[in-house]
Amino acid sequence: MTTADPSKVVAASSNDSATSEYERQPVPKKSHKGAGKFWGMYAGEHAAGTEFMIGPLFLLNGVTLQNVFIGLLLGNMLAVLSWRFVCAPIATKARLTLYFHLEKIAGGGLVKVYNLANGVLFCFLAGAMVTVSATAVGIPFNMEMPTIDAVYPNSVMFVLVALGVGALIAVVATLGYDMVAKFANIAAPWMVLVFVACGLVAFKQVDVSSWDELNVLWTSSIAFAQEGKAESSMGFWSVVFFSWLCNAAMHMGMADLSVFRFAKKSSYGWATSAGMYVGHYVAWIAAAFMLAAQIKLTQDASPVPGPMADSVVGLAGIVCVIVAGWTTANPTIYRAGLAFQAMVPSISRRAGTLAAGALATVAGVFPAFAFMLLDFVGLYGMILAPIGAIIFFNWYFRTRGDAVDLHGLAYKGSFNLAVLLAWVLPIGIALYFIQVKGVSPWFLTMPCWLACGGLYLLFSMKSRRA
C-alpha cells in the first residue's frame, strides 16, 4: 500500500520553485507531467514495509494458495480500475488537491476534521512500520522478538530499539519532503529487487517442482502455523476486496487527486498497475513464501519481518526490512505532520512533523499495530474512502463535470452539515457491524462509499430547499 505524500511527490520531481505545487489553484498546463513520472512513482511506493507484514498474514489466516494467486490478481485489477476511472478523470479535469477540492464543497472546518482523522491513522500506520524496522535493528543485539499475538512490548530492549528507530525517522522527516523523497527514490529500486530475490530464494529453499507440491507445502505451513487446524478466516472474496480496497483512501477516497492533477492525461491512471502488480502481487506473494520457507526450515511460524528476511537472504534481507520500514514510515510521518499543521496553521511544519513522529514512535512500541495490519488498513480505508464519494457525486451530479463551475465554488460556512452527516452516519453503522457482527471492514468500504454519496445528494437537496 502506498504512503507517499500525494500533494508533493510528483511536484517534487519538478525543477520549478517550491511555489509550483499549486496547493490552492488548478495546476497549469506548463506543469503537467509525462507518464514516466507516474509509472516509476507507483512501482516504488508500493514495495514498502507493509508488504513484509501483509503477505505472511494471508498464510496465517489460512488463505488457500489458489485464492492468493487468483484473488490478488482480480483485486489488484479492481484497484487499478478505480484509480483509472474514478480518481484520474476528475483529477485531470479539476486539477485540484483533495484538500482544496473538499474545502470548496464542505468548508475549511470540515477539512480540518478530515485532516485529524487522516493524520492520526497515518501515525498508527507509521508506528507499525517502526515496529517492522525495529525487528531488524534488534537482530545484532539478540533482542527477543514480539510474537504474533503480542499487544504490548515484551522487553525493555524492544522498547529502546523502537523508540530509537522512531526518533531517528521522525527527525529525518522534519528535514522536509526533498530529503524524504531523495532517500525513498534511492532505496525503492533496490528494495524491489530484494523483494524479488527474497521470493526466489524462498522458493528455492522450499524445494518444490510442481503446483501440487507447492500446494501441499502451503497447506502444511498453514496447518503448522494454526497448530493443526488449517482453517481459513479469509475466503476468495476477502482476498479480492482487501487487495482492492486496502488503498481505498487513495483511489475511491480521492487522496490521489493530488497526484494525478499533474498528469497530462487520465490514461496515466494505468500507471498504478506497476504498484499493484510489483508490490501488491509479487511482493505480497514473495513475503508469504518467506514465511513458508521459515516454517519448513526452522519450525517457526512467527511473521516477524527482521528474522524472516534474515533467514532467507541474510544481511541484505535485514537491511531491506530496515529500509522498507523507514521509507514507509518517513513520508507517512511527513504527511501526518502536514495534516496536523493544516489543522493548526500557527505551528510550523517541523513542529507538526515532530508531533506526528512522537505519536508514531509511541505506537511503534506496541506490536499489535503491525500484527493486526490487515484489519487496520481495512478500517483506515473504510473511514477515509467515503470522503471521495462526496467529491465524486458532487462532480458528476452537481457541477456536471464542469471544472470552471467547480473552480468558482466556495462554500460560505466552515462546516457543510450535509457532508458531515453523510460521512459519519454510514461509518457509525459500519463500526457497529464490525464490533458486534464481526464483519471485516473491507466488506463495508463500498457500502459506506455509496451511502455517503447518496446521503450527500439527499441532504444537499433538502438544505437548498430550506
Protein backbone atom coordinates (compact mmCIF):
# COMPACT_ATOMS: atom_id res chain seq x y z
CA MET A 1 0.00 0.00 0.00
CA THR A 2 1.22 3.47 -0.81
CA THR A 3 2.27 6.01 1.76
CA ALA A 4 3.77 8.81 -0.28
CA ASP A 5 2.56 12.34 0.26
CA PRO A 6 0.25 12.78 -2.72
CA SER A 7 0.26 16.54 -2.59
CA LYS A 8 4.02 16.70 -3.03
CA VAL A 9 5.51 13.62 -4.61
CA VAL A 10 5.02 14.46 -8.28
CA ALA A 11 5.66 18.15 -7.85
CA ALA A 12 8.89 17.43 -6.03
CA SER A 13 10.29 15.89 -9.21
CA SER A 14 9.97 19.20 -10.97
CA ASN A 15 12.77 21.73 -11.25
CA ASP A 16 10.31 24.53 -10.59
CA SER A 17 10.36 26.51 -7.41
CA ALA A 18 8.63 25.42 -4.25
CA THR A 19 5.65 27.56 -5.18
CA SER A 20 4.92 25.29 -8.15
CA GLU A 21 2.91 22.84 -6.08
CA TYR A 22 -0.33 24.81 -6.69
CA GLU A 23 -1.95 23.78 -3.42
CA ARG A 24 -4.78 26.32 -3.75
CA GLN A 25 -5.15 26.68 -7.51
CA PRO A 26 -5.52 24.40 -10.53
CA VAL A 27 -2.27 23.01 -11.91
CA PRO A 28 -1.49 24.93 -15.14
CA LYS A 29 -0.63 23.18 -18.38
CA LYS A 30 3.06 24.10 -18.15
CA SER A 31 3.41 21.92 -15.05
CA HIS A 32 1.72 18.79 -16.39
CA LYS A 33 3.92 15.70 -16.17
CA GLY A 34 4.58 12.84 -18.57
CA ALA A 35 3.68 9.20 -17.97
CA GLY A 36 7.14 8.19 -16.76
CA LYS A 37 6.76 10.18 -13.55
CA PHE A 38 3.75 8.08 -12.55
CA TRP A 39 4.92 4.60 -13.57
CA GLY A 40 8.12 5.00 -11.59
CA MET A 41 6.45 6.54 -8.56
CA TYR A 42 3.79 3.86 -8.17
CA ALA A 43 6.22 0.99 -8.80
CA GLY A 44 8.45 2.24 -6.00
CA GLU A 45 5.88 3.37 -3.45
CA HIS A 46 4.03 0.04 -3.27
CA ALA A 47 7.07 -2.10 -2.49
CA ALA A 48 7.41 -1.00 1.11
CA GLY A 49 7.47 -2.12 4.71
CA THR A 50 3.79 -3.04 4.79
CA GLU A 51 4.43 -5.79 2.24
CA PHE A 52 6.60 -7.70 4.72
CA MET A 53 3.58 -7.98 7.03
CA ILE A 54 0.60 -8.36 4.69
CA GLY A 55 1.86 -11.33 2.65
CA PRO A 56 2.58 -13.59 5.68
CA LEU A 57 -0.74 -12.64 7.26
CA PHE A 58 -2.55 -14.28 4.33
CA LEU A 59 -0.85 -17.57 5.20
CA LEU A 60 -1.60 -17.21 8.92
CA ASN A 61 -5.26 -16.54 8.11
CA GLY A 62 -5.45 -19.80 6.16
CA VAL A 63 -5.96 -18.34 2.68
CA THR A 64 -5.67 -21.12 0.10
CA LEU A 65 -2.87 -20.88 -2.44
CA GLN A 66 -5.33 -20.62 -5.32
CA ASN A 67 -7.17 -17.77 -3.62
CA VAL A 68 -3.90 -15.94 -3.06
CA PHE A 69 -2.85 -16.06 -6.71
CA ILE A 70 -6.27 -15.52 -8.32
CA GLY A 71 -7.82 -13.30 -5.62
CA LEU A 72 -4.90 -10.89 -5.66
CA LEU A 73 -4.94 -10.88 -9.47
CA LEU A 74 -8.58 -9.75 -9.54
CA GLY A 75 -8.49 -7.45 -6.51
CA ASN A 76 -5.45 -5.53 -7.72
CA MET A 77 -7.05 -5.09 -11.14
CA LEU A 78 -10.13 -3.57 -9.46
CA ALA A 79 -7.81 -1.18 -7.61
CA VAL A 80 -6.15 -0.15 -10.88
CA LEU A 81 -9.56 0.40 -12.49
CA SER A 82 -10.61 2.54 -9.51
CA TRP A 83 -7.59 4.79 -9.94
CA ARG A 84 -8.01 4.91 -13.71
CA PHE A 85 -11.77 5.54 -13.97
CA VAL A 86 -12.79 7.05 -10.62
CA CYS A 87 -9.87 9.18 -9.46
CA ALA A 88 -7.76 10.11 -12.51
CA PRO A 89 -10.56 11.58 -14.72
CA ILE A 90 -11.64 14.06 -12.03
CA ALA A 91 -8.02 14.86 -11.17
CA THR A 92 -7.05 15.71 -14.76
CA LYS A 93 -10.09 17.93 -15.28
CA ALA A 94 -10.40 19.72 -11.93
CA ARG A 95 -6.61 19.66 -11.23
CA LEU A 96 -7.02 20.44 -7.53
CA THR A 97 -5.64 18.72 -4.44
CA LEU A 98 -8.07 16.61 -2.45
CA TYR A 99 -7.95 19.16 0.36
CA PHE A 100 -8.74 22.26 -1.70
CA HIS A 101 -11.37 20.34 -3.72
CA LEU A 102 -13.05 19.22 -0.49
CA GLU A 103 -12.81 22.68 1.04
CA LYS A 104 -14.81 24.12 -1.87
CA ILE A 105 -17.61 21.65 -1.15
CA ALA A 106 -17.50 21.20 2.60
CA GLY A 107 -15.75 24.20 4.16
CA GLY A 108 -12.41 24.62 5.88
CA GLY A 109 -13.61 23.39 9.27
CA LEU A 110 -14.66 20.02 7.94
CA VAL A 111 -11.35 19.67 6.09
CA LYS A 112 -9.65 20.03 9.49
CA VAL A 113 -11.75 17.15 10.84
CA TYR A 114 -10.68 15.07 7.85
CA ASN A 115 -7.05 16.04 8.45
CA LEU A 116 -7.30 14.95 12.09
CA ALA A 117 -8.62 11.52 11.13
CA ASN A 118 -6.10 11.24 8.32
CA GLY A 119 -3.16 12.35 10.48
CA VAL A 120 -3.90 10.05 13.41
CA LEU A 121 -4.48 7.00 11.20
CA PHE A 122 -1.26 7.71 9.33
CA CYS A 123 0.63 7.91 12.62
CA PHE A 124 -0.61 4.45 13.58
CA LEU A 125 0.44 3.10 10.17
CA ALA A 126 3.87 4.69 10.58
CA GLY A 127 4.03 3.13 14.04
CA ALA A 128 3.54 -0.31 12.53
CA MET A 129 6.49 0.37 10.24
CA VAL A 130 8.61 1.48 13.20
CA THR A 131 7.88 -1.96 14.66
CA VAL A 132 8.88 -3.62 11.37
CA SER A 133 12.23 -1.82 11.22
CA ALA A 134 12.86 -2.44 14.92
CA THR A 135 12.62 -6.21 14.39
CA ALA A 136 15.59 -5.95 12.01
CA VAL A 137 17.62 -3.43 14.02
CA GLY A 138 17.29 -5.66 17.10
CA ILE A 139 18.85 -8.75 15.48
CA PRO A 140 22.51 -7.82 16.23
CA PHE A 141 21.50 -7.20 19.86
CA ASN A 142 19.87 -10.65 20.18
CA MET A 143 16.64 -8.87 21.01
CA GLU A 144 13.68 -11.05 21.99
CA MET A 145 11.17 -10.66 19.17
CA PRO A 146 7.45 -9.98 19.74
CA THR A 147 5.03 -12.79 18.98
CA ILE A 148 2.04 -12.67 16.62
CA ASP A 149 -0.43 -12.24 19.50
CA ALA A 150 1.61 -9.56 21.25
CA VAL A 151 -0.18 -6.32 22.09
CA TYR A 152 2.37 -4.79 24.42
CA PRO A 153 6.19 -4.75 24.17
CA ASN A 154 7.82 -7.89 25.54
CA SER A 155 11.17 -6.47 26.64
CA VAL A 156 12.97 -3.29 27.63
CA MET A 157 15.32 -3.81 24.67
CA PHE A 158 12.43 -3.79 22.20
CA VAL A 159 11.10 -0.55 23.70
CA LEU A 160 14.53 1.10 23.46
CA VAL A 161 15.09 -0.05 19.86
CA ALA A 162 11.61 1.03 18.75
CA LEU A 163 12.00 4.43 20.42
CA GLY A 164 15.40 4.91 18.80
CA VAL A 165 14.17 3.91 15.34
CA GLY A 166 11.07 6.07 15.63
CA ALA A 167 13.00 9.11 16.85
CA LEU A 168 15.51 8.85 14.00
CA ILE A 169 12.76 8.52 11.39
CA ALA A 170 10.86 11.47 12.86
CA VAL A 171 13.95 13.71 12.84
CA VAL A 172 14.66 12.89 9.18
CA ALA A 173 11.02 13.59 8.30
CA THR A 174 11.34 17.09 9.80
CA LEU A 175 14.08 17.91 7.27
CA GLY A 176 11.37 18.26 4.62
CA TYR A 177 9.98 16.37 1.69
CA ASP A 178 13.04 16.77 -0.51
CA MET A 179 15.10 14.71 1.94
CA VAL A 180 12.30 12.17 2.38
CA ALA A 181 11.80 11.78 -1.37
CA LYS A 182 15.52 11.61 -2.10
CA PHE A 183 16.01 8.74 0.34
CA ALA A 184 12.96 6.87 -0.98
CA ASN A 185 13.93 7.31 -4.64
CA ILE A 186 17.39 5.88 -3.99
CA ALA A 187 16.09 2.96 -1.95
CA ALA A 188 12.94 1.99 -3.88
CA PRO A 189 14.51 0.29 -6.97
CA TRP A 190 16.87 -1.69 -4.75
CA MET A 191 14.02 -2.76 -2.46
CA VAL A 192 12.01 -4.10 -5.40
CA LEU A 193 14.98 -6.25 -6.41
CA VAL A 194 15.44 -7.53 -2.85
CA PHE A 195 11.74 -8.42 -2.62
CA VAL A 196 12.05 -10.44 -5.83
CA ALA A 197 15.27 -12.03 -4.57
CA CYS A 198 13.59 -12.95 -1.27
CA GLY A 199 10.78 -14.65 -3.16
CA LEU A 200 13.13 -16.56 -5.46
CA VAL A 201 15.39 -17.71 -2.61
CA ALA A 202 12.35 -18.74 -0.58
CA PHE A 203 11.06 -20.82 -3.49
CA LYS A 204 14.46 -22.48 -3.76
CA GLN A 205 14.52 -23.18 -0.03
CA VAL A 206 11.12 -24.89 -0.01
CA ASP A 207 12.35 -27.14 -2.84
CA VAL A 208 9.17 -27.78 -4.83
CA SER A 209 8.93 -28.58 -8.52
CA SER A 210 5.19 -28.57 -9.27
CA TRP A 211 1.97 -26.78 -8.37
CA ASP A 212 0.79 -29.82 -6.40
CA GLU A 213 3.96 -29.87 -4.30
CA LEU A 214 3.68 -26.13 -3.75
CA ASN A 215 0.07 -26.51 -2.67
CA VAL A 216 0.98 -29.27 -0.23
CA LEU A 217 3.76 -27.13 1.24
CA TRP A 218 1.41 -24.14 1.57
CA THR A 219 -1.33 -26.20 3.23
CA SER A 220 1.11 -27.83 5.63
CA SER A 221 2.53 -24.39 6.52
CA ILE A 222 -0.97 -23.18 7.38
CA ALA A 223 -1.60 -26.29 9.50
CA PHE A 224 1.69 -25.79 11.38
CA ALA A 225 1.01 -22.08 11.97
CA GLN A 226 -2.51 -22.85 13.22
CA GLU A 227 -1.36 -25.78 15.37
CA GLY A 228 -3.06 -28.37 13.20
CA LYS A 229 -6.34 -26.57 12.49
CA ALA A 230 -5.75 -25.48 8.88
CA GLU A 231 -8.82 -23.23 8.92
CA SER A 232 -9.38 -20.26 6.66
CA SER A 233 -10.70 -16.98 8.06
CA MET A 234 -10.33 -15.28 4.66
CA GLY A 235 -12.04 -16.70 1.58
CA PHE A 236 -11.66 -15.73 -2.07
CA TRP A 237 -13.79 -12.59 -1.83
CA SER A 238 -11.99 -11.46 1.31
CA VAL A 239 -8.71 -11.51 -0.63
CA VAL A 240 -10.33 -9.72 -3.59
CA PHE A 241 -11.95 -6.97 -1.51
CA PHE A 242 -8.92 -6.49 0.71
CA SER A 243 -6.48 -6.12 -2.19
CA TRP A 244 -8.95 -3.82 -3.99
CA LEU A 245 -9.70 -1.58 -1.03
CA CYS A 246 -6.59 -1.58 1.18
CA ASN A 247 -5.69 1.63 -0.68
CA ALA A 248 -9.30 2.81 -0.90
CA ALA A 249 -8.44 6.16 0.67
CA MET A 250 -6.15 6.84 -2.28
CA HIS A 251 -8.41 5.90 -5.22
CA MET A 252 -12.07 5.72 -4.12
CA GLY A 253 -11.24 8.23 -1.37
CA MET A 254 -9.64 10.59 -3.93
CA ALA A 255 -6.43 11.30 -1.99
CA ASP A 256 -4.54 10.74 -5.24
CA LEU A 257 -6.35 13.63 -6.88
CA SER A 258 -3.29 15.43 -5.55
CA VAL A 259 -1.01 13.17 -7.60
CA PHE A 260 -2.94 12.90 -10.86
CA ARG A 261 -3.72 16.62 -11.03
CA PHE A 262 -0.23 16.84 -12.56
CA ALA A 263 -0.91 14.14 -15.20
CA LYS A 264 -1.30 15.18 -18.83
CA LYS A 265 -3.96 12.52 -19.41
CA SER A 266 -6.32 10.48 -17.28
CA SER A 267 -4.97 7.36 -19.01
CA TYR A 268 -1.90 7.74 -16.79
CA GLY A 269 -4.08 6.11 -14.14
CA TRP A 270 -2.95 2.82 -15.66
CA ALA A 271 0.47 3.53 -14.10
CA THR A 272 -0.91 2.28 -10.79
CA SER A 273 -0.74 -1.24 -12.22
CA ALA A 274 3.04 -1.05 -11.72
CA GLY A 275 2.50 -0.67 -8.00
CA MET A 276 -0.31 -3.17 -7.72
CA TYR A 277 1.46 -5.98 -9.54
CA VAL A 278 5.04 -5.30 -8.42
CA GLY A 279 4.17 -4.50 -4.81
CA HIS A 280 0.74 -5.88 -4.02
CA TYR A 281 1.15 -9.04 -6.06
CA VAL A 282 4.79 -10.05 -6.40
CA ALA A 283 5.94 -8.61 -3.05
CA TRP A 284 2.99 -9.96 -1.04
CA ILE A 285 3.40 -13.45 -2.50
CA ALA A 286 7.18 -13.32 -2.04
CA ALA A 287 6.76 -12.30 1.62
CA ALA A 288 4.22 -15.08 2.17
CA PHE A 289 6.64 -17.69 0.84
CA MET A 290 9.39 -16.28 3.03
CA LEU A 291 7.24 -17.32 6.00
CA ALA A 292 6.54 -20.73 4.41
CA ALA A 293 10.27 -21.25 3.96
CA GLN A 294 10.93 -20.20 7.55
CA ILE A 295 8.32 -22.69 8.82
CA LYS A 296 9.89 -25.52 6.81
CA LEU A 297 13.48 -24.73 7.79
CA THR A 298 13.16 -23.58 11.39
CA GLN A 299 9.68 -24.69 12.52
CA ASP A 300 8.95 -21.06 13.42
CA ALA A 301 5.62 -19.54 12.32
CA SER A 302 6.20 -16.04 13.72
CA PRO A 303 5.87 -13.50 10.88
CA VAL A 304 8.47 -11.16 12.36
CA PRO A 305 9.96 -9.34 9.35
CA GLY A 306 13.57 -8.99 10.54
CA PRO A 307 14.31 -12.64 11.39
CA MET A 308 12.15 -13.83 8.48
CA ALA A 309 14.17 -11.86 5.90
CA ASP A 310 17.42 -12.78 7.64
CA SER A 311 16.68 -16.48 7.29
CA VAL A 312 16.13 -16.09 3.54
CA VAL A 313 18.76 -13.66 2.24
CA GLY A 314 20.79 -12.78 5.32
CA LEU A 315 22.22 -9.30 5.75
CA ALA A 316 20.55 -7.99 2.56
CA GLY A 317 17.19 -9.03 3.99
CA ILE A 318 17.89 -7.30 7.32
CA VAL A 319 18.89 -4.09 5.56
CA CYS A 320 15.85 -4.32 3.26
CA VAL A 321 13.47 -4.62 6.24
CA ILE A 322 15.07 -1.61 7.92
CA VAL A 323 14.95 0.48 4.74
CA ALA A 324 11.44 -0.66 3.75
CA GLY A 325 10.05 0.24 7.16
CA TRP A 326 11.93 3.53 7.03
CA THR A 327 10.77 4.53 3.55
CA THR A 328 7.19 3.76 4.52
CA ALA A 329 7.20 5.50 7.90
CA ASN A 330 9.17 8.54 6.75
CA PRO A 331 6.73 10.01 4.20
CA THR A 332 3.83 8.82 6.33
CA ILE A 333 5.03 10.86 9.31
CA TYR A 334 5.75 13.78 7.00
CA ARG A 335 2.25 13.63 5.57
CA ALA A 336 0.66 13.33 9.03
CA GLY A 337 2.67 16.36 10.10
CA LEU A 338 1.24 18.37 7.20
CA ALA A 339 -2.26 17.30 8.22
CA PHE A 340 -1.66 18.46 11.80
CA GLN A 341 -0.17 21.74 10.61
CA ALA A 342 -3.20 22.34 8.38
CA MET A 343 -5.38 21.97 11.47
CA VAL A 344 -3.30 24.44 13.48
CA PRO A 345 -1.72 26.87 10.98
CA SER A 346 0.07 28.77 13.77
CA ILE A 347 2.51 25.88 14.33
CA SER A 348 5.41 25.22 11.98
CA ARG A 349 5.61 22.26 9.63
CA ARG A 350 8.54 20.96 11.68
CA ALA A 351 6.54 21.10 14.91
CA GLY A 352 3.63 19.28 13.25
CA THR A 353 6.01 16.62 11.95
CA LEU A 354 7.64 16.15 15.34
CA ALA A 355 4.21 15.72 16.93
CA ALA A 356 3.31 13.11 14.31
CA GLY A 357 6.68 11.41 14.79
CA ALA A 358 6.20 11.26 18.55
CA LEU A 359 2.76 9.66 18.18
CA ALA A 360 4.07 7.19 15.58
CA THR A 361 7.05 6.28 17.78
CA VAL A 362 4.82 5.56 20.77
CA ALA A 363 2.56 3.45 18.52
CA GLY A 364 5.64 1.56 17.27
CA VAL A 365 6.32 0.29 20.78
CA PHE A 366 3.08 -1.71 20.58
CA PRO A 367 3.46 -4.67 18.14
CA ALA A 368 -0.31 -5.06 17.74
CA PHE A 369 -0.41 -2.30 15.12
CA ALA A 370 1.92 -4.34 12.88
CA PHE A 371 0.46 -7.79 13.52
CA MET A 372 -3.12 -6.55 13.02
CA LEU A 373 -2.25 -4.70 9.82
CA LEU A 374 -4.95 -6.35 7.68
CA ASP A 375 -7.75 -5.10 9.91
CA PHE A 376 -6.09 -1.73 10.44
CA VAL A 377 -5.67 -0.83 6.77
CA GLY A 378 -9.20 -2.09 6.12
CA LEU A 379 -10.52 0.22 8.83
CA TYR A 380 -8.38 3.10 7.55
CA GLY A 381 -9.86 2.77 4.06
CA MET A 382 -13.40 2.41 5.35
CA ILE A 383 -13.16 5.64 7.37
CA LEU A 384 -11.49 7.84 4.77
CA ALA A 385 -12.75 6.48 1.43
CA PRO A 386 -16.33 7.83 1.79
CA ILE A 387 -14.97 11.37 1.56
CA GLY A 388 -14.15 10.52 -2.06
CA ALA A 389 -17.83 9.79 -2.68
CA ILE A 390 -18.63 13.41 -1.75
CA ILE A 391 -16.22 14.60 -4.43
CA PHE A 392 -17.38 12.01 -6.98
CA PHE A 393 -21.12 12.67 -6.54
CA ASN A 394 -20.62 16.42 -6.42
CA TRP A 395 -18.56 16.32 -9.63
CA TYR A 396 -20.98 14.20 -11.68
CA PHE A 397 -24.36 15.18 -10.23
CA ARG A 398 -23.96 18.81 -9.09
CA THR A 399 -21.22 20.50 -11.13
CA ARG A 400 -21.85 18.08 -14.03
CA GLY A 401 -18.15 17.67 -14.67
CA ASP A 402 -17.66 21.40 -15.25
CA ALA A 403 -14.23 22.39 -13.89
CA VAL A 404 -14.97 26.11 -14.32
CA ASP A 405 -18.08 25.74 -12.16
CA LEU A 406 -16.06 23.86 -9.51
CA HIS A 407 -13.23 26.41 -9.51
CA GLY A 408 -15.72 29.21 -8.89
CA LEU A 409 -17.33 27.33 -5.99
CA ALA A 410 -16.58 28.43 -2.43
CA TYR A 411 -18.57 27.08 0.50
CA LYS A 412 -19.60 30.06 2.63
CA GLY A 413 -19.53 28.37 6.02
CA SER A 414 -16.95 26.37 7.92
CA PHE A 415 -18.90 23.10 8.16
CA ASN A 416 -21.16 21.72 5.48
CA LEU A 417 -23.53 19.75 7.70
CA ALA A 418 -24.78 17.71 4.73
CA VAL A 419 -21.24 16.45 4.11
CA LEU A 420 -20.52 15.77 7.79
CA LEU A 421 -23.70 13.74 8.31
CA ALA A 422 -23.30 11.89 5.02
CA TRP A 423 -19.78 10.89 6.10
CA VAL A 424 -20.25 9.91 9.75
CA LEU A 425 -23.63 8.16 9.62
CA PRO A 426 -22.58 5.25 7.33
CA ILE A 427 -19.29 4.89 9.20
CA GLY A 428 -21.10 4.71 12.53
CA ILE A 429 -23.35 1.92 11.24
CA ALA A 430 -20.35 0.12 9.74
CA LEU A 431 -18.45 0.25 13.05
CA TYR A 432 -21.45 -1.42 14.69
CA PHE A 433 -21.29 -4.30 12.20
CA ILE A 434 -17.54 -4.64 12.75
CA GLN A 435 -17.73 -4.67 16.55
CA VAL A 436 -20.98 -6.57 17.07
CA LYS A 437 -21.33 -8.74 13.97
CA GLY A 438 -17.65 -9.32 13.25
CA VAL A 439 -17.84 -8.16 9.63
CA SER A 440 -14.45 -7.38 8.07
CA PRO A 441 -14.03 -3.66 7.33
CA TRP A 442 -13.05 -4.18 3.68
CA PHE A 443 -16.54 -5.58 3.01
CA LEU A 444 -18.09 -2.37 4.34
CA THR A 445 -15.98 0.20 2.50
CA MET A 446 -18.03 0.29 -0.70
CA PRO A 447 -21.42 0.27 1.06
CA CYS A 448 -20.17 3.24 3.13
CA TRP A 449 -18.90 4.96 -0.02
CA LEU A 450 -22.20 4.57 -1.89
CA ALA A 451 -24.29 5.51 1.15
CA CYS A 452 -22.15 8.59 1.76
CA GLY A 453 -22.57 9.82 -1.82
CA GLY A 454 -26.30 9.18 -1.84
CA LEU A 455 -26.86 10.83 1.55
CA TYR A 456 -24.82 13.84 0.47
CA LEU A 457 -27.06 14.42 -2.54
CA LEU A 458 -30.19 13.93 -0.43
CA PHE A 459 -29.10 16.22 2.41
CA SER A 460 -27.80 18.85 -0.03
CA MET A 461 -31.14 18.86 -1.84
CA LYS A 462 -33.01 19.36 1.44
CA SER A 463 -30.68 22.14 2.60
CA ARG A 464 -31.18 24.06 -0.66
CA ARG A 465 -34.97 23.78 -0.32
CA ALA A 466 -34.76 25.06 3.25
